[in-house]
Amino acid sequence: MAIDENMKAWRKNILEHNLVGALTVLELVLSVIFLVISYITGSLYFKGVGIGLAIAWVTGAVAYLFKKKYVKS
């Protein structure tokens, strides 16, 4: 039971304090996964999804850095 409680606390801590960062990393990981799948299968659909997620990742990363630098909260 202690491990389950620790995992819940760990996830809750990340979601409460680092939600934007966690979502930015998730976008990066998903874009890499879809780009690798598109490379392996040659599918333009997966390539488009991977590129779209990469664009979303860059946009989210710029917003995250802007927030960290200019908005002290």
Protein backbone atom coordinates (compact mmCIF):
# COMPACT_ATOMS: atom_id res chain seq x y z
CA MET A 1 0.00 0.00 0.00
CA ALA A 2 2.85 2.43 0.71
CA ILE A 3 4.14 2.23 -2.86
CA ASP A 4 0.69 3.03 -4.26
CA GLU A 5 0.36 6.02 -1.94
CA ASN A 6 3.84 7.27 -2.93
CA MET A 7 3.03 7.00 -6.63
CA LYS A 8 -0.19 8.93 -6.16
CA ALA A 9 1.67 11.65 -4.29
CA TRP A 10 4.39 11.73 -6.98
CA ARG A 11 1.88 12.12 -9.82
CA LYS A 12 -0.15 14.67 -7.89
CA ASN A 13 2.98 16.73 -7.23
CA ILE A 14 3.89 16.81 -10.93
CA LEU A 15 0.38 17.69 -12.03
CA GLU A 16 -0.05 20.43 -9.45
CA HIS A 17 3.33 22.10 -9.75
CA ASN A 18 4.69 21.25 -13.21
CA LEU A 19 1.66 20.69 -15.43
CA VAL A 20 2.83 22.89 -18.32
CA GLY A 21 6.30 21.32 -18.28
CA ALA A 22 4.87 17.80 -18.11
CA LEU A 23 2.57 18.46 -21.06
CA THR A 24 5.42 19.99 -23.05
CA VAL A 25 7.56 16.90 -22.49
CA LEU A 26 4.61 14.67 -23.40
CA GLU A 27 4.19 16.53 -26.71
CA LEU A 28 7.88 16.09 -27.46
CA VAL A 29 7.82 12.36 -26.70
CA LEU A 30 4.67 11.81 -28.76
CA SER A 31 6.05 13.74 -31.72
CA VAL A 32 9.24 11.66 -31.70
CA ILE A 33 7.21 8.43 -31.48
CA PHE A 34 5.00 9.41 -34.42
CA LEU A 35 7.98 10.54 -36.50
CA VAL A 36 9.76 7.24 -35.86
CA ILE A 37 6.61 5.32 -36.79
CA SER A 38 6.31 7.35 -39.99
CA TYR A 39 9.95 6.64 -40.82
CA ILE A 40 9.47 2.91 -40.28
CA THR A 41 6.13 2.59 -42.11
CA GLY A 42 6.55 5.35 -44.69
CA SER A 43 3.10 6.67 -43.81
CA LEU A 44 2.42 10.32 -44.60
CA TYR A 45 -0.38 10.33 -42.02
CA PHE A 46 1.98 9.53 -39.13
CA LYS A 47 4.49 12.02 -40.50
CA GLY A 48 1.84 14.75 -40.51
CA VAL A 49 0.79 13.92 -36.96
CA GLY A 50 4.42 13.94 -35.82
CA ILE A 51 5.12 17.29 -37.48
CA GLY A 52 1.93 18.75 -36.01
CA LEU A 53 2.93 17.60 -32.54
CA ALA A 54 6.43 19.01 -33.06
CA ILE A 55 4.92 22.39 -33.94
CA ALA A 56 2.72 22.18 -30.84
CA TRP A 57 5.78 21.28 -28.77
CA VAL A 58 7.75 24.29 -30.02
CA THR A 59 4.79 26.59 -29.35
CA GLY A 60 4.32 25.15 -25.86
CA ALA A 61 8.03 25.38 -25.08
CA VAL A 62 8.17 29.05 -26.14
CA ALA A 63 5.11 29.81 -24.00
CA TYR A 64 6.61 27.92 -21.05
CA LEU A 65 9.92 29.79 -21.33
CA PHE A 66 8.12 33.11 -21.69
CA LYS A 67 6.09 32.36 -18.57
CA LYS A 68 9.19 31.36 -16.59
CA LYS A 69 11.17 34.42 -17.65
CA TYR A 70 8.63 37.23 -17.65
CA VAL A 71 5.83 36.10 -15.36
CA LYS A 72 7.09 35.45 -11.87
CA SER A 73 4.40 33.30 -10.30
